[in-house]
Amino acid sequence: MTVLIDQPIWPAHDMLWAHIVSDSSLAELHAFAEAAGIPRRAFDHDHYDVPERKWDELVALGAQPVGVRELVERLRASGLRVTQKQKRGR
């Protein structure tokens, strides 16, 4: 069971964002986010969006830094990945 974090390279709202995911369960992901003070509204189906300023803190709390490709591959392999098509309900 691992919480993964990618690099904060995703621009939105005048800042950069990273993602945290779990490679085993959403319960693990939600527990980690709650312990880190990340609000539930930051959850987007299979990941949390986190601002760049929280990156070092999340790594210190145990999130494992990985590249974007590895994050997506491990999320997909876990069975927790929600595609854009699924998010739109098609």
C-alpha atoms as a PDB file:
ATOM      1  CA  MET A   1       0.000   0.000   0.000  1.00  0.00           C
ATOM      2  CA  THR A   2       1.541   3.241  -1.139  1.00  0.00           C
ATOM      3  CA  VAL A   3       0.447   6.820  -1.606  1.00  0.00           C
ATOM      4  CA  LEU A   4       2.139   8.280  -4.676  1.00  0.00           C
ATOM      5  CA  ILE A   5       2.713  11.910  -5.636  1.00  0.00           C
ATOM      6  CA  ASP A   6       3.755  13.301  -9.008  1.00  0.00           C
ATOM      7  CA  GLN A   7       5.637  16.518  -9.667  1.00  0.00           C
ATOM      8  CA  PRO A   8       3.733  19.818  -9.410  1.00  0.00           C
ATOM      9  CA  ILE A   9       3.640  20.585 -13.133  1.00  0.00           C
ATOM     10  CA  TRP A  10      -0.109  21.072 -13.707  1.00  0.00           C
ATOM     11  CA  PRO A  11      -1.031  24.776 -13.980  1.00  0.00           C
ATOM     12  CA  ALA A  12      -4.392  26.055 -12.742  1.00  0.00           C
ATOM     13  CA  HIS A  13      -5.583  29.081 -10.775  1.00  0.00           C
ATOM     14  CA  ASP A  14      -2.202  30.841 -11.052  1.00  0.00           C
ATOM     15  CA  MET A  15      -0.236  28.033  -9.385  1.00  0.00           C
ATOM     16  CA  LEU A  16       1.160  24.577 -10.060  1.00  0.00           C
ATOM     17  CA  TRP A  17      -0.501  21.391  -8.838  1.00  0.00           C
ATOM     18  CA  ALA A  18       0.499  17.783  -8.181  1.00  0.00           C
ATOM     19  CA  HIS A  19      -1.660  14.701  -7.702  1.00  0.00           C
ATOM     20  CA  ILE A  20      -1.716  12.113  -4.956  1.00  0.00           C
ATOM     21  CA  VAL A  21      -3.119   8.629  -5.532  1.00  0.00           C
ATOM     22  CA  SER A  22      -3.092   5.276  -3.793  1.00  0.00           C
ATOM     23  CA  ASP A  23      -1.946   2.143  -5.565  1.00  0.00           C
ATOM     24  CA  SER A  24      -4.219   0.004  -3.385  1.00  0.00           C
ATOM     25  CA  SER A  25      -7.354   1.684  -1.993  1.00  0.00           C
ATOM     26  CA  LEU A  26      -9.345   4.876  -1.899  1.00  0.00           C
ATOM     27  CA  ALA A  27      -9.706   4.421   1.878  1.00  0.00           C
ATOM     28  CA  GLU A  28      -5.911   4.684   2.205  1.00  0.00           C
ATOM     29  CA  LEU A  29      -5.885   7.761  -0.026  1.00  0.00           C
ATOM     30  CA  HIS A  30      -8.678   9.497   1.910  1.00  0.00           C
ATOM     31  CA  ALA A  31      -7.017   8.707   5.259  1.00  0.00           C
ATOM     32  CA  PHE A  32      -3.688  10.113   4.055  1.00  0.00           C
ATOM     33  CA  ALA A  33      -5.348  13.255   2.686  1.00  0.00           C
ATOM     34  CA  GLU A  34      -7.295  13.818   5.890  1.00  0.00           C
ATOM     35  CA  ALA A  35      -4.162  13.387   8.026  1.00  0.00           C
ATOM     36  CA  ALA A  36      -2.354  15.881   5.772  1.00  0.00           C
ATOM     37  CA  GLY A  37      -5.141  18.452   6.017  1.00  0.00           C
ATOM     38  CA  ILE A  38      -6.162  18.194   2.382  1.00  0.00           C
ATOM     39  CA  PRO A  39      -9.872  19.045   2.025  1.00  0.00           C
ATOM     40  CA  ARG A  40     -12.220  16.447   0.529  1.00  0.00           C
ATOM     41  CA  ARG A  41     -13.232  18.952  -2.171  1.00  0.00           C
ATOM     42  CA  ALA A  42      -9.729  18.424  -3.671  1.00  0.00           C
ATOM     43  CA  PHE A  43     -10.678  14.803  -4.519  1.00  0.00           C
ATOM     44  CA  ASP A  44     -11.398  14.138  -8.203  1.00  0.00           C
ATOM     45  CA  HIS A  45     -12.699  10.570  -8.663  1.00  0.00           C
ATOM     46  CA  ASP A  46      -9.346   8.786  -8.227  1.00  0.00           C
ATOM     47  CA  HIS A  47      -6.853  11.412  -7.032  1.00  0.00           C
ATOM     48  CA  TYR A  48      -6.434  14.544  -4.982  1.00  0.00           C
ATOM     49  CA  ASP A  49      -5.159  17.755  -6.529  1.00  0.00           C
ATOM     50  CA  VAL A  50      -2.581  19.334  -4.223  1.00  0.00           C
ATOM     51  CA  PRO A  51      -0.839  22.703  -4.543  1.00  0.00           C
ATOM     52  CA  GLU A  52       2.898  22.864  -5.089  1.00  0.00           C
ATOM     53  CA  ARG A  53       3.404  24.474  -1.662  1.00  0.00           C
ATOM     54  CA  LYS A  54       2.255  21.196   0.023  1.00  0.00           C
ATOM     55  CA  TRP A  55       4.577  18.898  -1.984  1.00  0.00           C
ATOM     56  CA  ASP A  56       7.511  18.735   0.484  1.00  0.00           C
ATOM     57  CA  GLU A  57       5.140  18.259   3.422  1.00  0.00           C
ATOM     58  CA  LEU A  58       3.325  15.378   1.693  1.00  0.00           C
ATOM     59  CA  VAL A  59       6.600  13.642   0.859  1.00  0.00           C
ATOM     60  CA  ALA A  60       7.700  14.067   4.492  1.00  0.00           C
ATOM     61  CA  LEU A  61       4.399  12.434   5.546  1.00  0.00           C
ATOM     62  CA  GLY A  62       5.197   9.416   3.381  1.00  0.00           C
ATOM     63  CA  ALA A  63       3.941  10.096  -0.154  1.00  0.00           C
ATOM     64  CA  GLN A  64       6.333   8.452  -2.611  1.00  0.00           C
ATOM     65  CA  PRO A  65       7.485  10.778  -5.419  1.00  0.00           C
ATOM     66  CA  VAL A  66       7.075   9.254  -8.890  1.00  0.00           C
ATOM     67  CA  GLY A  67       6.892  10.531 -12.435  1.00  0.00           C
ATOM     68  CA  VAL A  68       3.558  11.201 -14.099  1.00  0.00           C
ATOM     69  CA  ARG A  69       3.765   8.082 -16.264  1.00  0.00           C
ATOM     70  CA  GLU A  70       4.475   5.800 -13.290  1.00  0.00           C
ATOM     71  CA  LEU A  71       1.686   7.411 -11.260  1.00  0.00           C
ATOM     72  CA  VAL A  72      -0.859   6.706 -14.012  1.00  0.00           C
ATOM     73  CA  GLU A  73       0.440   3.187 -14.667  1.00  0.00           C
ATOM     74  CA  ARG A  74       0.272   2.220 -10.998  1.00  0.00           C
ATOM     75  CA  LEU A  75      -3.164   3.812 -10.603  1.00  0.00           C
ATOM     76  CA  ARG A  76      -4.393   1.885 -13.647  1.00  0.00           C
ATOM     77  CA  ALA A  77      -2.845  -1.383 -12.377  1.00  0.00           C
ATOM     78  CA  SER A  78      -4.599  -0.904  -9.020  1.00  0.00           C
ATOM     79  CA  GLY A  79      -8.000  -0.860 -10.721  1.00  0.00           C
ATOM     80  CA  LEU A  80      -8.781   2.542  -9.207  1.00  0.00           C
ATOM     81  CA  ARG A  81      -8.239   4.649 -12.347  1.00  0.00           C
ATOM     82  CA  VAL A  82     -11.281   6.641 -13.478  1.00  0.00           C
ATOM     83  CA  THR A  83     -10.978   7.750 -17.102  1.00  0.00           C
ATOM     84  CA  GLN A  84     -12.277  11.038 -18.484  1.00  0.00           C
ATOM     85  CA  LYS A  85     -14.914   9.050 -20.351  1.00  0.00           C
ATOM     86  CA  GLN A  86     -16.089   7.448 -17.089  1.00  0.00           C
ATOM     87  CA  LYS A  87     -16.129  10.840 -15.361  1.00  0.00           C
ATOM     88  CA  ARG A  88     -18.507  12.113 -18.030  1.00  0.00           C
ATOM     89  CA  GLY A  89     -20.765   9.107 -17.437  1.00  0.00           C
ATOM     90  CA  ARG A  90     -20.477   7.525 -20.868  1.00  0.00           C
END
